[in-house]
Amino acid sequence: MVRAGRLPRVGRGPVGRATRGWYVQSIALRIGIFVLIGIGALIARPFLTGAAGDLKVGECFDMPTTASETIEDVQHHPCSDAHDGEVFFVGELPIAKGKAYPGDEALGPLVDSLCLPAFTAYTGLSAVTDPLWTFGAGVPVTEDWDEGSRRLMCYAGRVDGTRTSGSIKKS
């Protein structure tokens, strides 16, 4: 047997208002959490270990302590803290995709032709004649080269390998 009559309206009355309020608060809380995570990532980025390939001009880092020629991850630092290197140039090597990896010796003059003027422009110093500063470069490993990467990253460091504090960028 079914009783005829009016059914209660869903979403109306005190219970409906409370549910809507909880829903709005839940969304606001979630948005707040995402904002805090984003702000935290921005603040902590200079102190995080990250991919060497993600370094940008003006960022400072520590070289890994292993003797490997392949560097994948580096410790980022604010330049005001002690660090090993500072990125002063990021660009692309002008070699067509699809060309075989030319080898480190063949890349040397090309890297010098890009990094040396960039070093002088960034620092106001000459990497050839300055007694305190030199530069290093990161080029793609063979596997990345074969996949089309031509990224070049040039960084400044002390000739004697000691750590430094502050930026080498000219003012």
C-alpha atoms as a PDB file:
ATOM      1  CA  MET A   1       0.000   0.000   0.000  1.00  0.00           C
ATOM      2  CA  VAL A   2       1.310   3.428  -0.944  1.00  0.00           C
ATOM      3  CA  ARG A   3       0.436   6.509   0.953  1.00  0.00           C
ATOM      4  CA  ALA A   4      -0.237   9.552  -1.139  1.00  0.00           C
ATOM      5  CA  GLY A   5       1.040  12.890  -0.021  1.00  0.00           C
ATOM      6  CA  ARG A   6       3.695  15.483  -0.506  1.00  0.00           C
ATOM      7  CA  LEU A   7       7.308  14.445  -0.504  1.00  0.00           C
ATOM      8  CA  PRO A   8       9.824  16.625   1.320  1.00  0.00           C
ATOM      9  CA  ARG A   9      11.831  18.895  -0.961  1.00  0.00           C
ATOM     10  CA  VAL A  10      15.498  18.044  -1.198  1.00  0.00           C
ATOM     11  CA  GLY A  11      17.956  20.870  -0.600  1.00  0.00           C
ATOM     12  CA  ARG A  12      15.494  23.149   1.130  1.00  0.00           C
ATOM     13  CA  GLY A  13      15.229  24.079   4.746  1.00  0.00           C
ATOM     14  CA  PRO A  14      17.913  24.042   7.408  1.00  0.00           C
ATOM     15  CA  VAL A  15      19.468  20.737   6.344  1.00  0.00           C
ATOM     16  CA  GLY A  16      19.871  21.872   2.703  1.00  0.00           C
ATOM     17  CA  ARG A  17      21.485  25.157   3.712  1.00  0.00           C
ATOM     18  CA  ALA A  18      23.927  23.354   6.004  1.00  0.00           C
ATOM     19  CA  THR A  19      24.882  20.960   3.213  1.00  0.00           C
ATOM     20  CA  ARG A  20      25.521  23.833   0.788  1.00  0.00           C
ATOM     21  CA  GLY A  21      27.602  25.659   3.387  1.00  0.00           C
ATOM     22  CA  TRP A  22      29.698  22.583   4.034  1.00  0.00           C
ATOM     23  CA  TYR A  23      30.202  22.114   0.282  1.00  0.00           C
ATOM     24  CA  VAL A  24      31.399  25.726  -0.163  1.00  0.00           C
ATOM     25  CA  GLN A  25      33.724  25.401   2.831  1.00  0.00           C
ATOM     26  CA  SER A  26      35.111  22.147   1.451  1.00  0.00           C
ATOM     27  CA  ILE A  27      35.906  23.764  -1.907  1.00  0.00           C
ATOM     28  CA  ALA A  28      37.469  26.811  -0.219  1.00  0.00           C
ATOM     29  CA  LEU A  29      39.611  24.543   1.951  1.00  0.00           C
ATOM     30  CA  ARG A  30      40.828  22.582  -1.079  1.00  0.00           C
ATOM     31  CA  ILE A  31      41.686  25.753  -2.980  1.00  0.00           C
ATOM     32  CA  GLY A  32      43.543  27.047   0.087  1.00  0.00           C
ATOM     33  CA  ILE A  33      45.578  23.843   0.319  1.00  0.00           C
ATOM     34  CA  PHE A  34      46.589  24.047  -3.364  1.00  0.00           C
ATOM     35  CA  VAL A  35      47.597  27.696  -2.950  1.00  0.00           C
ATOM     36  CA  LEU A  36      49.732  26.867   0.111  1.00  0.00           C
ATOM     37  CA  ILE A  37      51.426  23.977  -1.717  1.00  0.00           C
ATOM     38  CA  GLY A  38      52.201  26.274  -4.660  1.00  0.00           C
ATOM     39  CA  ILE A  39      53.624  29.010  -2.437  1.00  0.00           C
ATOM     40  CA  GLY A  40      55.660  26.450  -0.501  1.00  0.00           C
ATOM     41  CA  ALA A  41      57.138  25.067  -3.729  1.00  0.00           C
ATOM     42  CA  LEU A  42      58.146  28.561  -4.865  1.00  0.00           C
ATOM     43  CA  ILE A  43      59.769  29.363  -1.538  1.00  0.00           C
ATOM     44  CA  ALA A  44      61.559  26.012  -1.225  1.00  0.00           C
ATOM     45  CA  ARG A  45      62.747  25.738  -4.866  1.00  0.00           C
ATOM     46  CA  PRO A  46      66.145  27.334  -4.214  1.00  0.00           C
ATOM     47  CA  PHE A  47      66.849  24.684  -1.563  1.00  0.00           C
ATOM     48  CA  LEU A  48      65.661  21.584  -3.420  1.00  0.00           C
ATOM     49  CA  THR A  49      67.572  18.986  -5.341  1.00  0.00           C
ATOM     50  CA  GLY A  50      66.457  19.071  -8.939  1.00  0.00           C
ATOM     51  CA  ALA A  51      67.353  18.012 -12.432  1.00  0.00           C
ATOM     52  CA  ALA A  52      70.466  19.705 -13.768  1.00  0.00           C
ATOM     53  CA  GLY A  53      68.589  20.215 -17.021  1.00  0.00           C
ATOM     54  CA  ASP A  54      66.022  22.402 -15.253  1.00  0.00           C
ATOM     55  CA  LEU A  55      68.517  25.048 -14.114  1.00  0.00           C
ATOM     56  CA  LYS A  56      67.875  28.583 -15.375  1.00  0.00           C
ATOM     57  CA  VAL A  57      70.114  31.616 -15.877  1.00  0.00           C
ATOM     58  CA  GLY A  58      70.939  33.211 -12.523  1.00  0.00           C
ATOM     59  CA  GLU A  59      70.377  30.054 -10.469  1.00  0.00           C
ATOM     60  CA  CYS A  60      73.140  28.712  -8.239  1.00  0.00           C
ATOM     61  CA  PHE A  61      73.854  25.076  -7.422  1.00  0.00           C
ATOM     62  CA  ASP A  62      76.301  22.551  -6.006  1.00  0.00           C
ATOM     63  CA  MET A  63      78.078  20.070  -8.215  1.00  0.00           C
ATOM     64  CA  PRO A  64      77.482  16.446  -7.214  1.00  0.00           C
ATOM     65  CA  THR A  65      80.259  14.868  -5.165  1.00  0.00           C
ATOM     66  CA  THR A  66      80.447  11.759  -7.356  1.00  0.00           C
ATOM     67  CA  ALA A  67      83.114  11.501 -10.035  1.00  0.00           C
ATOM     68  CA  SER A  68      80.593  10.726 -12.792  1.00  0.00           C
ATOM     69  CA  GLU A  69      80.742  12.709 -16.010  1.00  0.00           C
ATOM     70  CA  THR A  70      76.951  12.463 -16.302  1.00  0.00           C
ATOM     71  CA  ILE A  71      75.181  14.839 -13.933  1.00  0.00           C
ATOM     72  CA  GLU A  72      71.467  14.340 -13.529  1.00  0.00           C
ATOM     73  CA  ASP A  73      70.548  16.043 -10.243  1.00  0.00           C
ATOM     74  CA  VAL A  74      72.064  19.044  -8.480  1.00  0.00           C
ATOM     75  CA  GLN A  75      71.406  20.814  -5.191  1.00  0.00           C
ATOM     76  CA  HIS A  76      69.893  24.251  -5.840  1.00  0.00           C
ATOM     77  CA  HIS A  77      70.897  27.172  -3.579  1.00  0.00           C
ATOM     78  CA  PRO A  78      70.133  30.856  -3.283  1.00  0.00           C
ATOM     79  CA  CYS A  79      73.234  32.570  -4.685  1.00  0.00           C
ATOM     80  CA  SER A  80      73.737  34.283  -1.314  1.00  0.00           C
ATOM     81  CA  ASP A  81      74.531  30.840   0.177  1.00  0.00           C
ATOM     82  CA  ALA A  82      77.795  28.989  -0.483  1.00  0.00           C
ATOM     83  CA  HIS A  83      77.621  27.201  -3.851  1.00  0.00           C
ATOM     84  CA  ASP A  84      79.800  25.685  -6.579  1.00  0.00           C
ATOM     85  CA  GLY A  85      78.331  27.194  -9.739  1.00  0.00           C
ATOM     86  CA  GLU A  86      76.023  29.822 -11.197  1.00  0.00           C
ATOM     87  CA  VAL A  87      74.229  29.414 -14.514  1.00  0.00           C
ATOM     88  CA  PHE A  88      74.907  32.306 -16.901  1.00  0.00           C
ATOM     89  CA  PHE A  89      73.642  30.912 -20.216  1.00  0.00           C
ATOM     90  CA  VAL A  90      71.026  28.429 -21.389  1.00  0.00           C
ATOM     91  CA  GLY A  91      70.463  27.895 -25.088  1.00  0.00           C
ATOM     92  CA  GLU A  92      70.377  25.433 -27.941  1.00  0.00           C
ATOM     93  CA  LEU A  93      73.384  24.045 -29.770  1.00  0.00           C
ATOM     94  CA  PRO A  94      72.977  24.946 -33.460  1.00  0.00           C
ATOM     95  CA  ILE A  95      73.189  21.387 -34.774  1.00  0.00           C
ATOM     96  CA  ALA A  96      70.244  19.952 -36.686  1.00  0.00           C
ATOM     97  CA  LYS A  97      68.138  17.299 -35.048  1.00  0.00           C
ATOM     98  CA  GLY A  98      68.786  13.919 -36.593  1.00  0.00           C
ATOM     99  CA  LYS A  99      72.545  14.468 -36.808  1.00  0.00           C
ATOM    100  CA  ALA A 100      74.671  11.969 -34.897  1.00  0.00           C
ATOM    101  CA  TYR A 101      76.281  13.014 -31.615  1.00  0.00           C
ATOM    102  CA  PRO A 102      79.553  14.662 -32.702  1.00  0.00           C
ATOM    103  CA  GLY A 103      81.502  13.755 -29.554  1.00  0.00           C
ATOM    104  CA  ASP A 104      82.884  15.917 -26.752  1.00  0.00           C
ATOM    105  CA  GLU A 105      86.011  17.002 -28.632  1.00  0.00           C
ATOM    106  CA  ALA A 106      83.993  18.250 -31.601  1.00  0.00           C
ATOM    107  CA  LEU A 107      81.508  20.036 -29.324  1.00  0.00           C
ATOM    108  CA  GLY A 108      84.276  21.867 -27.408  1.00  0.00           C
ATOM    109  CA  PRO A 109      84.873  24.724 -29.883  1.00  0.00           C
ATOM    110  CA  LEU A 110      81.119  25.192 -30.399  1.00  0.00           C
ATOM    111  CA  VAL A 111      80.506  25.320 -26.641  1.00  0.00           C
ATOM    112  CA  ASP A 112      83.357  27.839 -26.255  1.00  0.00           C
ATOM    113  CA  SER A 113      81.926  30.014 -29.035  1.00  0.00           C
ATOM    114  CA  LEU A 114      78.610  30.231 -27.155  1.00  0.00           C
ATOM    115  CA  CYS A 115      79.748  30.232 -23.516  1.00  0.00           C
ATOM    116  CA  LEU A 116      82.729  32.628 -23.684  1.00  0.00           C
ATOM    117  CA  PRO A 117      80.809  35.692 -24.936  1.00  0.00           C
ATOM    118  CA  ALA A 118      77.886  34.841 -22.655  1.00  0.00           C
ATOM    119  CA  PHE A 119      80.276  34.649 -19.672  1.00  0.00           C
ATOM    120  CA  THR A 120      81.653  38.117 -20.470  1.00  0.00           C
ATOM    121  CA  ALA A 121      78.172  39.563 -21.018  1.00  0.00           C
ATOM    122  CA  TYR A 122      76.882  38.122 -17.720  1.00  0.00           C
ATOM    123  CA  THR A 123      79.906  38.822 -15.515  1.00  0.00           C
ATOM    124  CA  GLY A 124      81.845  41.625 -17.186  1.00  0.00           C
ATOM    125  CA  LEU A 125      84.938  39.387 -16.878  1.00  0.00           C
ATOM    126  CA  SER A 126      86.966  37.330 -19.333  1.00  0.00           C
ATOM    127  CA  ALA A 127      86.918  33.587 -18.688  1.00  0.00           C
ATOM    128  CA  VAL A 128      90.182  33.353 -20.619  1.00  0.00           C
ATOM    129  CA  THR A 129      92.192  35.839 -18.548  1.00  0.00           C
ATOM    130  CA  ASP A 130      90.416  36.081 -15.181  1.00  0.00           C
ATOM    131  CA  PRO A 131      92.546  34.376 -12.503  1.00  0.00           C
ATOM    132  CA  LEU A 132      89.592  33.515 -10.222  1.00  0.00           C
ATOM    133  CA  TRP A 133      86.715  32.451 -12.468  1.00  0.00           C
ATOM    134  CA  THR A 134      86.190  29.890 -15.209  1.00  0.00           C
ATOM    135  CA  PHE A 135      83.200  28.201 -16.759  1.00  0.00           C
ATOM    136  CA  GLY A 136      81.833  24.739 -17.330  1.00  0.00           C
ATOM    137  CA  ALA A 137      79.085  23.481 -19.581  1.00  0.00           C
ATOM    138  CA  GLY A 138      76.396  20.861 -19.608  1.00  0.00           C
ATOM    139  CA  VAL A 139      75.479  19.241 -22.914  1.00  0.00           C
ATOM    140  CA  PRO A 140      73.021  16.423 -23.632  1.00  0.00           C
ATOM    141  CA  VAL A 141      74.098  12.839 -23.103  1.00  0.00           C
ATOM    142  CA  THR A 142      74.017  10.632 -26.200  1.00  0.00           C
ATOM    143  CA  GLU A 143      70.561   9.222 -25.429  1.00  0.00           C
ATOM    144  CA  ASP A 144      69.036  12.695 -25.028  1.00  0.00           C
ATOM    145  CA  TRP A 145      70.884  13.889 -28.140  1.00  0.00           C
ATOM    146  CA  ASP A 146      69.360  11.021 -30.137  1.00  0.00           C
ATOM    147  CA  GLU A 147      65.915  12.126 -28.899  1.00  0.00           C
ATOM    148  CA  GLY A 148      66.551  15.643 -30.246  1.00  0.00           C
ATOM    149  CA  SER A 149      67.851  17.577 -27.226  1.00  0.00           C
ATOM    150  CA  ARG A 150      70.409  20.262 -28.082  1.00  0.00           C
ATOM    151  CA  ARG A 151      70.262  22.136 -24.758  1.00  0.00           C
ATOM    152  CA  LEU A 152      73.451  23.860 -23.625  1.00  0.00           C
ATOM    153  CA  MET A 153      73.865  25.162 -20.084  1.00  0.00           C
ATOM    154  CA  CYS A 154      76.954  27.239 -19.211  1.00  0.00           C
ATOM    155  CA  TYR A 155      77.894  27.938 -15.601  1.00  0.00           C
ATOM    156  CA  ALA A 156      80.564  29.932 -13.790  1.00  0.00           C
ATOM    157  CA  GLY A 157      82.744  28.499 -11.038  1.00  0.00           C
ATOM    158  CA  ARG A 158      85.968  29.239  -9.213  1.00  0.00           C
ATOM    159  CA  VAL A 159      89.214  28.200 -10.939  1.00  0.00           C
ATOM    160  CA  ASP A 160      90.418  26.523  -7.737  1.00  0.00           C
ATOM    161  CA  GLY A 161      87.096  24.706  -7.262  1.00  0.00           C
ATOM    162  CA  THR A 162      86.257  26.416  -3.957  1.00  0.00           C
ATOM    163  CA  ARG A 163      82.704  27.378  -3.127  1.00  0.00           C
ATOM    164  CA  THR A 164      81.583  30.974  -3.317  1.00  0.00           C
ATOM    165  CA  SER A 165      78.788  33.110  -1.899  1.00  0.00           C
ATOM    166  CA  GLY A 166      76.987  35.788  -3.833  1.00  0.00           C
ATOM    167  CA  SER A 167      76.276  36.147  -7.513  1.00  0.00           C
ATOM    168  CA  ILE A 168      78.977  36.655 -10.128  1.00  0.00           C
ATOM    169  CA  LYS A 169      76.522  38.639 -12.260  1.00  0.00           C
ATOM    170  CA  LYS A 170      77.754  42.143 -13.010  1.00  0.00           C
ATOM    171  CA  SER A 171      75.659  44.918 -11.543  1.00  0.00           C
END
